[in-house]
């Protein structure tokens, strides 16, 4: 297995590539479809699945093109419903952006479990940054946290549909997991759950 991070788009979103042989999972392809695809090609892999942690434009900008190339798209039911309701246009306060529409193949909810490319995933609902934000736990030792939890920080809650209290509860939900995990966030450097439990200044 190989996990790579590519910064995509104007918001420097962390897009993750999980490569297993000739198959790959892409998490939060925010933009730069060509660059992501070129990297996958160099690795000898094709995107079979796209996992979305939340439906802000900077995390889903390239999803439609991956879907058109045959990738199956996983997204939370609540956030997808918002995307459809607003015709894939979401004003998040500082940016007025519309993304190309796509059809969800799997609508995920809290506690859902599935296996992709020989890896086991569990969905953890973590609302706050968006109503349907989720984290994906992979193989019981890695968390793809989207914009819920960052290194020494948490997601913003000054956009429409956000809730600071919900986000704090979501981070506490992650902190309550047993054991340590590598945390790959939606922006910035990776961290660990133990480090954030001890040092994150936003959640006590």
Protein backbone atom coordinates (compact mmCIF):
# COMPACT_ATOMS: atom_id res chain seq x y z
CA UNK A 1 0.00 0.00 0.00
CA UNK A 2 1.08 3.53 -0.77
CA UNK A 3 -0.54 6.73 0.56
CA UNK A 4 0.38 10.00 -1.09
CA UNK A 5 -0.83 13.55 -0.49
CA UNK A 6 -1.22 16.12 -3.26
CA UNK A 7 -2.17 19.72 -2.51
CA UNK A 8 -4.96 20.75 -4.87
CA UNK A 9 -6.79 23.93 -5.73
CA UNK A 10 -6.69 27.48 -4.47
CA UNK A 11 -7.29 26.42 -0.86
CA UNK A 12 -4.38 23.95 -0.80
CA UNK A 13 -6.62 21.01 -0.04
CA UNK A 14 -4.92 17.76 0.91
CA UNK A 15 -6.02 15.17 -1.64
CA UNK A 16 -4.99 11.64 -0.67
CA UNK A 17 -4.19 8.77 -2.99
CA UNK A 18 -4.36 5.28 -1.55
CA UNK A 19 -2.73 3.00 -4.08
CA UNK A 20 -3.04 -0.76 -3.92
CA UNK A 21 -1.60 -2.41 -7.00
CA UNK A 22 -3.38 -1.10 -10.08
CA UNK A 23 -6.32 0.29 -8.11
CA UNK A 24 -6.56 3.53 -6.17
CA UNK A 25 -8.85 5.37 -3.79
CA UNK A 26 -8.87 9.16 -4.05
CA UNK A 27 -9.97 11.10 -0.99
CA UNK A 28 -11.21 14.68 -1.42
CA UNK A 29 -10.12 15.53 -4.97
CA UNK A 30 -10.61 19.26 -4.60
CA UNK A 31 -9.28 20.27 -8.00
CA UNK A 32 -6.43 19.60 -10.44
CA UNK A 33 -7.90 16.47 -12.00
CA UNK A 34 -5.14 16.28 -14.59
CA UNK A 35 -2.35 16.46 -12.02
CA UNK A 36 -3.94 13.80 -9.82
CA UNK A 37 -4.55 11.54 -12.79
CA UNK A 38 -0.99 11.99 -14.04
CA UNK A 39 0.37 10.96 -10.65
CA UNK A 40 -1.87 7.90 -10.57
CA UNK A 41 -0.74 6.99 -14.07
CA UNK A 42 2.89 7.23 -13.02
CA UNK A 43 2.07 4.90 -10.13
CA UNK A 44 0.40 2.49 -12.54
CA UNK A 45 -2.99 2.85 -10.88
CA UNK A 46 -6.50 3.95 -11.79
CA UNK A 47 -8.95 5.71 -9.50
CA UNK A 48 -11.63 3.15 -8.68
CA UNK A 49 -13.21 5.00 -5.76
CA UNK A 50 -13.59 8.57 -4.53
CA UNK A 51 -14.31 9.23 -0.85
CA UNK A 52 -15.57 12.67 0.16
CA UNK A 53 -15.22 13.87 3.75
CA UNK A 54 -17.49 16.87 3.21
CA UNK A 55 -19.03 18.78 0.34
CA UNK A 56 -17.28 22.14 0.32
CA UNK A 57 -16.12 23.10 -3.16
CA UNK A 58 -12.43 22.84 -2.31
CA UNK A 59 -12.85 19.13 -1.54
CA UNK A 60 -15.04 18.09 -4.47
CA UNK A 61 -13.96 20.18 -7.46
CA UNK A 62 -12.59 17.22 -9.43
CA UNK A 63 -15.13 14.61 -8.32
CA UNK A 64 -17.30 14.85 -11.45
CA UNK A 65 -14.38 14.08 -13.73
CA UNK A 66 -13.34 11.07 -11.68
CA UNK A 67 -16.94 9.87 -11.72
CA UNK A 68 -17.01 10.28 -15.50
CA UNK A 69 -13.87 8.15 -15.73
CA UNK A 70 -15.62 5.32 -13.89
CA UNK A 71 -14.80 5.90 -10.21
CA UNK A 72 -17.51 5.15 -7.64
CA UNK A 73 -18.27 8.14 -5.43
CA UNK A 74 -18.90 7.85 -1.68
CA UNK A 75 -20.32 10.92 0.10
CA UNK A 76 -22.42 11.53 3.18
CA UNK A 77 -26.15 11.55 2.64
CA UNK A 78 -26.65 14.89 4.43
CA UNK A 79 -24.00 16.79 2.48
CA UNK A 80 -25.08 15.29 -0.83
CA UNK A 81 -28.66 16.33 -0.16
CA UNK A 82 -27.40 19.92 0.33
CA UNK A 83 -25.45 19.78 -2.92
CA UNK A 84 -28.50 18.62 -4.83
CA UNK A 85 -30.77 21.14 -3.12
CA UNK A 86 -28.51 24.03 -4.11
CA UNK A 87 -27.74 22.65 -7.59
CA UNK A 88 -24.10 21.99 -6.66
CA UNK A 89 -23.66 25.61 -5.72
CA UNK A 90 -22.75 26.44 -2.16
CA UNK A 91 -21.92 29.91 -0.86
CA UNK A 92 -19.65 29.28 2.11
CA UNK A 93 -19.18 32.91 3.04
CA UNK A 94 -15.97 33.92 1.31
CA UNK A 95 -16.29 32.09 -1.99
CA UNK A 96 -19.17 31.81 -4.40
CA UNK A 97 -18.46 28.56 -6.17
CA UNK A 98 -20.38 26.07 -8.21
CA UNK A 99 -18.90 22.66 -8.93
CA UNK A 100 -19.73 20.30 -11.75
CA UNK A 101 -22.54 18.01 -10.68
CA UNK A 102 -22.00 14.32 -10.09
CA UNK A 103 -24.08 11.35 -9.04
CA UNK A 104 -23.28 9.69 -5.74
CA UNK A 105 -22.87 5.93 -5.97
CA UNK A 106 -22.91 5.33 -2.20
CA UNK A 107 -24.46 7.63 0.41
CA UNK A 108 -22.71 7.02 3.70
CA UNK A 109 -23.88 7.49 7.26
CA UNK A 110 -22.42 7.11 10.73
CA UNK A 111 -21.17 3.60 11.46
CA UNK A 112 -21.19 2.35 7.89
CA UNK A 113 -18.46 -0.17 7.10
CA UNK A 114 -17.09 -1.27 3.74
CA UNK A 115 -13.97 -2.70 2.16
CA UNK A 116 -12.19 -1.12 -0.81
CA UNK A 117 -8.91 -2.16 -2.43
CA UNK A 118 -8.19 -4.64 0.38
CA UNK A 119 -8.69 -2.02 3.11
CA UNK A 120 -11.46 -1.78 5.69
CA UNK A 121 -13.22 1.54 6.24
CA UNK A 122 -15.55 2.79 8.95
CA UNK A 123 -17.54 6.01 8.58
CA UNK A 124 -17.67 8.33 11.58
CA UNK A 125 -20.18 11.18 11.34
CA UNK A 126 -18.46 14.39 12.41
CA UNK A 127 -20.84 17.30 11.77
CA UNK A 128 -19.91 20.86 12.56
CA UNK A 129 -17.83 22.15 9.66
CA UNK A 130 -20.67 20.91 7.47
CA UNK A 131 -23.88 19.16 8.53
CA UNK A 132 -22.83 15.91 6.88
CA UNK A 133 -19.10 15.94 7.49
CA UNK A 134 -17.59 12.51 8.03
CA UNK A 135 -14.22 10.99 8.84
CA UNK A 136 -13.06 7.71 7.36
CA UNK A 137 -11.19 5.30 9.60
CA UNK A 138 -9.03 2.93 7.56
CA UNK A 139 -7.74 -0.37 8.94
CA UNK A 140 -8.27 0.79 12.53
CA UNK A 141 -5.12 2.90 12.56
CA UNK A 142 -5.63 5.80 10.12
CA UNK A 143 -8.20 8.61 10.14
CA UNK A 144 -8.90 10.80 7.14
CA UNK A 145 -10.36 13.71 9.05
CA UNK A 146 -11.28 16.21 6.36
CA UNK A 147 -11.82 19.64 7.93
CA UNK A 148 -12.92 18.28 11.29
CA UNK A 149 -9.51 17.93 12.92
CA UNK A 150 -6.17 19.48 11.96
CA UNK A 151 -2.76 19.49 13.57
CA UNK A 152 -3.25 21.74 16.62
CA UNK A 153 -6.50 23.09 15.21
CA UNK A 154 -10.06 22.29 14.16
CA UNK A 155 -12.29 23.22 11.24
CA UNK A 156 -13.82 26.61 10.71
CA UNK A 157 -17.39 27.23 11.79
CA UNK A 158 -18.02 30.72 10.39
CA UNK A 159 -19.58 29.49 7.15
CA UNK A 160 -23.28 28.83 6.47
CA UNK A 161 -24.54 25.50 7.82
CA UNK A 162 -21.69 25.27 10.36
CA UNK A 163 -22.03 24.63 14.09
CA UNK A 164 -19.19 25.21 16.51
CA UNK A 165 -20.78 23.13 19.26
CA UNK A 166 -21.36 20.24 16.87
CA UNK A 167 -17.75 20.40 15.70
CA UNK A 168 -16.38 20.33 19.25
CA UNK A 169 -18.54 17.30 20.00
CA UNK A 170 -17.31 15.64 16.80
CA UNK A 171 -13.68 16.11 17.75
CA UNK A 172 -14.41 14.75 21.22
CA UNK A 173 -16.01 11.76 19.50
CA UNK A 174 -12.72 11.13 17.69
CA UNK A 175 -10.74 11.62 20.90
CA UNK A 176 -12.92 8.97 22.56
CA UNK A 177 -11.75 6.29 20.14
CA UNK A 178 -9.54 3.63 21.67
CA UNK A 179 -5.85 3.83 20.93
CA UNK A 180 -3.77 6.05 18.70
CA UNK A 181 -4.29 6.81 15.02
CA UNK A 182 -2.43 8.59 12.28
CA UNK A 183 -4.57 11.56 11.26
CA UNK A 184 -4.54 12.82 7.68
CA UNK A 185 -6.44 16.13 7.62
CA UNK A 186 -8.00 18.11 4.79
CA UNK A 187 -5.36 20.83 5.00
CA UNK A 188 -1.87 21.01 6.44
CA UNK A 189 0.40 18.41 7.96
CA UNK A 190 -0.55 15.01 9.30
CA UNK A 191 -0.71 14.39 13.03
CA UNK A 192 -1.73 11.69 15.49
CA UNK A 193 -4.76 11.35 17.68
CA UNK A 194 -2.65 11.04 20.83
CA UNK A 195 -0.80 14.25 19.98
CA UNK A 196 -4.07 16.12 19.47
CA UNK A 197 -5.59 14.72 22.64
CA UNK A 198 -2.70 16.18 24.60
CA UNK A 199 -1.98 19.39 22.68
CA UNK A 200 -4.93 20.61 20.65
CA UNK A 201 -5.85 23.98 22.21
CA UNK A 202 -9.41 24.07 20.88
CA UNK A 203 -10.79 20.95 22.56
CA UNK A 204 -10.44 20.18 26.26
